[in-house]
Amino acid sequence: MNKNFLALLTAAAVSTAALVSACGAADEPAKTAGETTETQAAAPVADAAPVQVADAGDKAEAGDEKADAGEKTEEAAPAAEAAAPAADGEFMSAIDRVKASPKGTLKNPYTGNEEAIKEGEKVWFGLSCNGCHGGGGGGGMCPPVTNEVWVYGGDDDTLFRLITLGTVDLQKEGYARKGTEGVVGPMMSYRDLIDDERKLWKLIAWVRTKWNGREERKEW
């Protein structure tokens, strides 16, 4: 009786140990699977972090590039402004233009301009140029403007300075006679009478139409 009871207890103990072992074995894969799941879930988050940081860096760099572009645009503005032509209506007096321009740089913008030539004829008579040079520019007490002889030179720059400064001050600037006329009265200064340089250029444009010299003798 006692032997049978001990055998029964032994069998029960073995069954219980086997059951406990089996349960433990079943729990371990579940925990391992759980741990693996948590690790896998954490991995994408860890991988995503650098991407977000990189995106932020790219945006920062893009922002810097835009800022640089803005700075370059601002830096280029003065140059563009400086390169822009003067607005219509901007002009100087004849004497101010002479003072502001190196010798040989003045060029008539109205040569051949029919409208300007008509206005230039009015300036010719308005300033009484006809009193010395004749109504048609053929000469009088001063040289004609119709032949090939230009006493100090016939280029635009020289004529502009001669009319503005007059003979005396032109010679002070280093100019000397190049041609000889039968009548060579001194040129008076119009520096105080021409407050708009455009008037003088239009006058010279009209004078060009009166010249009847040879083509090869043109200096403008």
C-alpha atoms as a PDB file:
ATOM      1  CA  MET A   1       0.000   0.000   0.000  1.00  0.00           C
ATOM      2  CA  ASN A   2       2.735   2.377   0.902  1.00  0.00           C
ATOM      3  CA  LYS A   3       4.713   1.389  -2.168  1.00  0.00           C
ATOM      4  CA  ASN A   4       1.814   2.050  -4.443  1.00  0.00           C
ATOM      5  CA  PHE A   5       1.203   5.433  -2.804  1.00  0.00           C
ATOM      6  CA  LEU A   6       4.862   6.423  -3.250  1.00  0.00           C
ATOM      7  CA  ALA A   7       4.796   5.332  -6.852  1.00  0.00           C
ATOM      8  CA  LEU A   8       1.696   7.441  -7.431  1.00  0.00           C
ATOM      9  CA  LEU A   9       3.327  10.468  -5.816  1.00  0.00           C
ATOM     10  CA  THR A  10       6.484   9.960  -7.893  1.00  0.00           C
ATOM     11  CA  ALA A  11       4.455   9.754 -11.090  1.00  0.00           C
ATOM     12  CA  ALA A  12       2.528  12.891 -10.135  1.00  0.00           C
ATOM     13  CA  ALA A  13       5.750  14.741  -9.433  1.00  0.00           C
ATOM     14  CA  VAL A  14       7.234  13.730 -12.792  1.00  0.00           C
ATOM     15  CA  SER A  15       4.078  14.883 -14.602  1.00  0.00           C
ATOM     16  CA  THR A  16       4.105  18.186 -12.757  1.00  0.00           C
ATOM     17  CA  ALA A  17       7.793  18.817 -13.644  1.00  0.00           C
ATOM     18  CA  ALA A  18       7.137  17.954 -17.256  1.00  0.00           C
ATOM     19  CA  LEU A  19       4.168  20.320 -17.341  1.00  0.00           C
ATOM     20  CA  VAL A  20       6.173  23.138 -15.773  1.00  0.00           C
ATOM     21  CA  SER A  21       9.029  22.560 -18.226  1.00  0.00           C
ATOM     22  CA  ALA A  22       6.650  22.567 -21.147  1.00  0.00           C
ATOM     23  CA  CYS A  23       5.002  25.805 -19.995  1.00  0.00           C
ATOM     24  CA  GLY A  24       8.368  27.454 -19.519  1.00  0.00           C
ATOM     25  CA  ALA A  25       9.463  26.419 -22.990  1.00  0.00           C
ATOM     26  CA  ALA A  26       6.227  27.810 -24.423  1.00  0.00           C
ATOM     27  CA  ASP A  27       6.702  31.155 -22.632  1.00  0.00           C
ATOM     28  CA  GLU A  28      10.284  31.701 -23.845  1.00  0.00           C
ATOM     29  CA  PRO A  29       9.487  31.790 -27.600  1.00  0.00           C
ATOM     30  CA  ALA A  30       6.667  34.246 -26.859  1.00  0.00           C
ATOM     31  CA  LYS A  31       9.037  36.535 -24.993  1.00  0.00           C
ATOM     32  CA  THR A  32      11.660  36.208 -27.719  1.00  0.00           C
ATOM     33  CA  ALA A  33       9.086  36.984 -30.343  1.00  0.00           C
ATOM     34  CA  GLY A  34       7.916  39.930 -28.255  1.00  0.00           C
ATOM     35  CA  GLU A  35      11.446  41.217 -27.877  1.00  0.00           C
ATOM     36  CA  THR A  36      12.095  40.808 -31.614  1.00  0.00           C
ATOM     37  CA  THR A  37       8.892  42.647 -32.424  1.00  0.00           C
ATOM     38  CA  GLU A  38       9.853  45.520 -30.139  1.00  0.00           C
ATOM     39  CA  THR A  39      13.364  45.666 -31.690  1.00  0.00           C
ATOM     40  CA  GLN A  40      11.980  45.654 -35.203  1.00  0.00           C
ATOM     41  CA  ALA A  41       9.455  48.323 -34.306  1.00  0.00           C
ATOM     42  CA  ALA A  42      12.202  50.500 -32.842  1.00  0.00           C
ATOM     43  CA  ALA A  43      14.502  50.013 -35.824  1.00  0.00           C
ATOM     44  CA  PRO A  44      12.490  52.039 -38.381  1.00  0.00           C
ATOM     45  CA  VAL A  45      12.221  54.894 -35.910  1.00  0.00           C
ATOM     46  CA  ALA A  46      15.992  54.888 -35.453  1.00  0.00           C
ATOM     47  CA  ASP A  47      16.460  54.722 -39.227  1.00  0.00           C
ATOM     48  CA  ALA A  48      13.943  57.527 -39.808  1.00  0.00           C
ATOM     49  CA  ALA A  49      15.683  59.970 -37.464  1.00  0.00           C
ATOM     50  CA  PRO A  50      18.753  60.585 -39.671  1.00  0.00           C
ATOM     51  CA  VAL A  51      16.481  61.077 -42.695  1.00  0.00           C
ATOM     52  CA  GLN A  52      14.547  63.791 -40.885  1.00  0.00           C
ATOM     53  CA  VAL A  53      17.787  65.439 -39.792  1.00  0.00           C
ATOM     54  CA  ALA A  54      19.124  65.256 -43.355  1.00  0.00           C
ATOM     55  CA  ASP A  55      15.910  66.823 -44.664  1.00  0.00           C
ATOM     56  CA  ALA A  56      16.260  69.623 -42.158  1.00  0.00           C
ATOM     57  CA  GLY A  57      19.860  70.109 -43.260  1.00  0.00           C
ATOM     58  CA  ASP A  58      18.812  70.177 -46.905  1.00  0.00           C
ATOM     59  CA  LYS A  59      16.170  72.794 -46.116  1.00  0.00           C
ATOM     60  CA  ALA A  60      18.727  74.813 -44.215  1.00  0.00           C
ATOM     61  CA  GLU A  61      21.126  74.600 -47.159  1.00  0.00           C
ATOM     62  CA  ALA A  62      18.310  75.520 -49.552  1.00  0.00           C
ATOM     63  CA  GLY A  63      17.507  78.454 -47.307  1.00  0.00           C
ATOM     64  CA  ASP A  64      21.159  79.496 -47.381  1.00  0.00           C
ATOM     65  CA  GLU A  65      21.228  79.212 -51.173  1.00  0.00           C
ATOM     66  CA  LYS A  66      18.130  81.401 -51.431  1.00  0.00           C
ATOM     67  CA  ALA A  67      19.689  83.867 -49.048  1.00  0.00           C
ATOM     68  CA  ASP A  68      22.894  83.841 -51.094  1.00  0.00           C
ATOM     69  CA  ALA A  69      20.883  84.369 -54.265  1.00  0.00           C
ATOM     70  CA  GLY A  70      19.133  87.286 -52.599  1.00  0.00           C
ATOM     71  CA  GLU A  71      22.457  88.769 -51.541  1.00  0.00           C
ATOM     72  CA  LYS A  72      23.854  88.356 -55.069  1.00  0.00           C
ATOM     73  CA  THR A  73      20.775  90.059 -56.502  1.00  0.00           C
ATOM     74  CA  GLU A  74      21.174  92.953 -54.088  1.00  0.00           C
ATOM     75  CA  GLU A  75      24.888  93.184 -54.882  1.00  0.00           C
ATOM     76  CA  ALA A  76      24.171  93.192 -58.624  1.00  0.00           C
ATOM     77  CA  ALA A  77      21.543  95.960 -58.326  1.00  0.00           C
ATOM     78  CA  PRO A  78      23.980  98.898 -58.147  1.00  0.00           C
ATOM     79  CA  ALA A  79      25.834  97.619 -61.206  1.00  0.00           C
ATOM     80  CA  ALA A  80      22.579  97.273 -63.167  1.00  0.00           C
ATOM     81  CA  GLU A  81      21.523 100.704 -62.040  1.00  0.00           C
ATOM     82  CA  ALA A  82      24.844 102.071 -62.914  1.00  0.00           C
ATOM     83  CA  ALA A  83      24.527 100.448 -66.372  1.00  0.00           C
ATOM     84  CA  ALA A  84      21.135 101.845 -67.057  1.00  0.00           C
ATOM     85  CA  PRO A  85      20.785 104.793 -69.559  1.00  0.00           C
ATOM     86  CA  ALA A  86      19.933 108.236 -68.251  1.00  0.00           C
ATOM     87  CA  ALA A  87      16.226 108.922 -68.018  1.00  0.00           C
ATOM     88  CA  ASP A  88      14.628 111.044 -70.722  1.00  0.00           C
ATOM     89  CA  GLY A  89      14.877 114.736 -69.961  1.00  0.00           C
ATOM     90  CA  GLU A  90      18.180 114.560 -68.085  1.00  0.00           C
ATOM     91  CA  PHE A  91      20.728 116.994 -69.472  1.00  0.00           C
ATOM     92  CA  MET A  92      23.426 119.493 -68.551  1.00  0.00           C
ATOM     93  CA  SER A  93      24.214 123.025 -69.529  1.00  0.00           C
ATOM     94  CA  ALA A  94      26.747 123.296 -72.332  1.00  0.00           C
ATOM     95  CA  ILE A  95      29.533 124.479 -70.016  1.00  0.00           C
ATOM     96  CA  ASP A  96      28.870 121.712 -67.477  1.00  0.00           C
ATOM     97  CA  ARG A  97      29.076 119.129 -70.250  1.00  0.00           C
ATOM     98  CA  VAL A  98      32.402 120.565 -71.386  1.00  0.00           C
ATOM     99  CA  LYS A  99      33.787 120.421 -67.848  1.00  0.00           C
ATOM    100  CA  ALA A 100      32.533 116.868 -67.322  1.00  0.00           C
ATOM    101  CA  SER A 101      33.892 115.433 -70.584  1.00  0.00           C
ATOM    102  CA  PRO A 102      37.502 114.637 -71.550  1.00  0.00           C
ATOM    103  CA  LYS A 103      38.670 116.142 -74.833  1.00  0.00           C
ATOM    104  CA  GLY A 104      37.627 114.216 -77.907  1.00  0.00           C
ATOM    105  CA  THR A 105      34.729 112.359 -76.264  1.00  0.00           C
ATOM    106  CA  LEU A 106      31.776 114.566 -77.227  1.00  0.00           C
ATOM    107  CA  LYS A 107      29.585 113.217 -80.027  1.00  0.00           C
ATOM    108  CA  ASN A 108      26.412 114.727 -81.463  1.00  0.00           C
ATOM    109  CA  PRO A 109      23.390 112.453 -80.891  1.00  0.00           C
ATOM    110  CA  TYR A 110      21.253 114.436 -83.354  1.00  0.00           C
ATOM    111  CA  THR A 111      23.279 114.300 -86.573  1.00  0.00           C
ATOM    112  CA  GLY A 112      20.886 113.453 -89.419  1.00  0.00           C
ATOM    113  CA  ASN A 113      17.809 113.742 -87.174  1.00  0.00           C
ATOM    114  CA  GLU A 114      15.310 115.721 -89.281  1.00  0.00           C
ATOM    115  CA  GLU A 115      13.225 116.937 -86.351  1.00  0.00           C
ATOM    116  CA  ALA A 116      16.305 118.012 -84.417  1.00  0.00           C
ATOM    117  CA  ILE A 117      17.699 119.773 -87.497  1.00  0.00           C
ATOM    118  CA  LYS A 118      14.532 121.880 -87.787  1.00  0.00           C
ATOM    119  CA  GLU A 119      14.846 122.864 -84.149  1.00  0.00           C
ATOM    120  CA  GLY A 120      18.543 123.578 -84.680  1.00  0.00           C
ATOM    121  CA  GLU A 121      17.721 126.142 -87.346  1.00  0.00           C
ATOM    122  CA  LYS A 122      15.513 127.971 -84.836  1.00  0.00           C
ATOM    123  CA  VAL A 123      18.376 127.950 -82.320  1.00  0.00           C
ATOM    124  CA  TRP A 124      20.716 129.379 -84.994  1.00  0.00           C
ATOM    125  CA  PHE A 125      18.500 132.418 -85.470  1.00  0.00           C
ATOM    126  CA  GLY A 126      17.445 132.557 -81.818  1.00  0.00           C
ATOM    127  CA  LEU A 127      21.058 132.994 -80.697  1.00  0.00           C
ATOM    128  CA  SER A 128      21.731 135.465 -83.556  1.00  0.00           C
ATOM    129  CA  CYS A 129      24.372 133.230 -85.124  1.00  0.00           C
ATOM    130  CA  ASN A 130      23.201 134.635 -88.458  1.00  0.00           C
ATOM    131  CA  GLY A 131      24.497 138.070 -87.436  1.00  0.00           C
ATOM    132  CA  CYS A 132      28.125 136.901 -87.782  1.00  0.00           C
ATOM    133  CA  HIS A 133      27.949 133.787 -89.967  1.00  0.00           C
ATOM    134  CA  GLY A 134      25.100 134.789 -92.287  1.00  0.00           C
ATOM    135  CA  GLY A 135      21.518 133.571 -92.407  1.00  0.00           C
ATOM    136  CA  GLY A 136      22.412 130.482 -94.415  1.00  0.00           C
ATOM    137  CA  GLY A 137      25.801 129.989 -92.782  1.00  0.00           C
ATOM    138  CA  GLY A 138      27.729 131.422 -95.734  1.00  0.00           C
ATOM    139  CA  GLY A 139      29.828 133.781 -93.617  1.00  0.00           C
ATOM    140  CA  GLY A 140      30.008 137.488 -92.840  1.00  0.00           C
ATOM    141  CA  MET A 141      32.218 139.078 -90.243  1.00  0.00           C
ATOM    142  CA  CYS A 142      32.997 135.518 -89.115  1.00  0.00           C
ATOM    143  CA  PRO A 143      33.898 132.408 -91.161  1.00  0.00           C
ATOM    144  CA  PRO A 144      31.285 130.458 -93.137  1.00  0.00           C
ATOM    145  CA  VAL A 145      30.138 127.017 -91.996  1.00  0.00           C
ATOM    146  CA  THR A 146      29.518 125.825 -95.530  1.00  0.00           C
ATOM    147  CA  ASN A 147      33.026 125.070 -96.821  1.00  0.00           C
ATOM    148  CA  GLU A 148      35.766 122.614 -95.926  1.00  0.00           C
ATOM    149  CA  VAL A 149      37.723 124.975 -93.702  1.00  0.00           C
ATOM    150  CA  TRP A 150      37.263 124.621 -89.948  1.00  0.00           C
ATOM    151  CA  VAL A 151      39.575 126.997 -88.162  1.00  0.00           C
ATOM    152  CA  TYR A 152      40.063 124.804 -85.058  1.00  0.00           C
ATOM    153  CA  GLY A 153      38.762 121.516 -86.456  1.00  0.00           C
ATOM    154  CA  GLY A 154      35.383 120.343 -87.636  1.00  0.00           C
ATOM    155  CA  ASP A 155      34.685 117.391 -85.342  1.00  0.00           C
ATOM    156  CA  ASP A 156      31.707 117.437 -82.963  1.00  0.00           C
ATOM    157  CA  ASP A 157      33.828 117.751 -79.840  1.00  0.00           C
ATOM    158  CA  THR A 158      35.775 120.791 -81.068  1.00  0.00           C
ATOM    159  CA  LEU A 159      32.736 122.696 -82.381  1.00  0.00           C
ATOM    160  CA  PHE A 160      30.822 122.098 -79.130  1.00  0.00           C
ATOM    161  CA  ARG A 161      33.738 123.454 -77.085  1.00  0.00           C
ATOM    162  CA  LEU A 162      34.400 126.383 -79.454  1.00  0.00           C
ATOM    163  CA  ILE A 163      30.811 127.616 -79.271  1.00  0.00           C
ATOM    164  CA  THR A 164      30.600 127.072 -75.516  1.00  0.00           C
ATOM    165  CA  LEU A 165      33.985 128.517 -74.507  1.00  0.00           C
ATOM    166  CA  GLY A 166      34.641 131.010 -77.289  1.00  0.00           C
ATOM    167  CA  THR A 167      37.954 131.516 -79.103  1.00  0.00           C
ATOM    168  CA  VAL A 168      39.948 132.928 -76.195  1.00  0.00           C
ATOM    169  CA  ASP A 169      39.146 130.202 -73.652  1.00  0.00           C
ATOM    170  CA  LEU A 170      39.396 127.464 -76.289  1.00  0.00           C
ATOM    171  CA  GLN A 171      42.981 128.532 -76.968  1.00  0.00           C
ATOM    172  CA  LYS A 172      43.642 128.449 -73.233  1.00  0.00           C
ATOM    173  CA  GLU A 173      42.620 124.801 -73.338  1.00  0.00           C
ATOM    174  CA  GLY A 174      45.473 124.150 -75.773  1.00  0.00           C
ATOM    175  CA  TYR A 175      43.638 124.397 -79.101  1.00  0.00           C
ATOM    176  CA  ALA A 176      45.394 126.093 -82.046  1.00  0.00           C
ATOM    177  CA  ARG A 177      44.245 127.174 -85.497  1.00  0.00           C
ATOM    178  CA  LYS A 178      44.301 124.472 -88.149  1.00  0.00           C
ATOM    179  CA  GLY A 179      42.777 126.360 -91.055  1.00  0.00           C
ATOM    180  CA  THR A 180      42.872 129.859 -92.481  1.00  0.00           C
ATOM    181  CA  GLU A 181      39.919 131.908 -93.712  1.00  0.00           C
ATOM    182  CA  GLY A 182      39.793 135.301 -95.408  1.00  0.00           C
ATOM    183  CA  VAL A 183      37.700 136.615 -92.527  1.00  0.00           C
ATOM    184  CA  VAL A 184      38.348 135.122 -89.099  1.00  0.00           C
ATOM    185  CA  GLY A 185      36.527 137.061 -86.420  1.00  0.00           C
ATOM    186  CA  PRO A 186      36.795 135.716 -82.868  1.00  0.00           C
ATOM    187  CA  MET A 187      34.070 133.396 -81.639  1.00  0.00           C
ATOM    188  CA  MET A 188      32.209 134.724 -78.631  1.00  0.00           C
ATOM    189  CA  SER A 189      31.403 132.446 -75.683  1.00  0.00           C
ATOM    190  CA  TYR A 190      27.877 131.076 -75.356  1.00  0.00           C
ATOM    191  CA  ARG A 191      28.483 129.385 -72.021  1.00  0.00           C
ATOM    192  CA  ASP A 192      25.928 131.621 -70.274  1.00  0.00           C
ATOM    193  CA  LEU A 193      23.344 131.479 -73.061  1.00  0.00           C
ATOM    194  CA  ILE A 194      22.969 127.726 -73.557  1.00  0.00           C
ATOM    195  CA  ASP A 195      21.578 126.172 -70.381  1.00  0.00           C
ATOM    196  CA  ASP A 196      20.483 123.038 -72.254  1.00  0.00           C
ATOM    197  CA  GLU A 197      23.205 121.139 -74.116  1.00  0.00           C
ATOM    198  CA  ARG A 198      20.614 119.645 -76.458  1.00  0.00           C
ATOM    199  CA  LYS A 199      20.045 123.062 -78.032  1.00  0.00           C
ATOM    200  CA  LEU A 200      23.702 123.284 -79.006  1.00  0.00           C
ATOM    201  CA  TRP A 201      23.763 119.760 -80.411  1.00  0.00           C
ATOM    202  CA  LYS A 202      20.701 120.508 -82.541  1.00  0.00           C
ATOM    203  CA  LEU A 203      22.325 123.732 -83.739  1.00  0.00           C
ATOM    204  CA  ILE A 204      25.418 121.789 -84.819  1.00  0.00           C
ATOM    205  CA  ALA A 205      23.181 119.179 -86.513  1.00  0.00           C
ATOM    206  CA  TRP A 206      21.691 122.020 -88.602  1.00  0.00           C
ATOM    207  CA  VAL A 207      25.160 123.392 -89.410  1.00  0.00           C
ATOM    208  CA  ARG A 208      26.122 119.975 -90.800  1.00  0.00           C
ATOM    209  CA  THR A 209      23.345 120.228 -93.379  1.00  0.00           C
ATOM    210  CA  LYS A 210      24.835 123.495 -94.703  1.00  0.00           C
ATOM    211  CA  TRP A 211      28.302 122.099 -95.291  1.00  0.00           C
ATOM    212  CA  ASN A 212      29.053 121.403 -98.973  1.00  0.00           C
ATOM    213  CA  GLY A 213      32.600 120.105 -98.786  1.00  0.00           C
ATOM    214  CA  ARG A 214      33.986 116.831-100.046  1.00  0.00           C
ATOM    215  CA  GLU A 215      32.910 113.643 -98.341  1.00  0.00           C
ATOM    216  CA  GLU A 216      36.484 112.669 -97.465  1.00  0.00           C
ATOM    217  CA  ARG A 217      36.952 115.934 -95.581  1.00  0.00           C
ATOM    218  CA  LYS A 218      34.165 115.206 -93.113  1.00  0.00           C
ATOM    219  CA  GLU A 219      35.341 115.043 -89.511  1.00  0.00           C
ATOM    220  CA  TRP A 220      32.142 113.806 -87.879  1.00  0.00           C
END
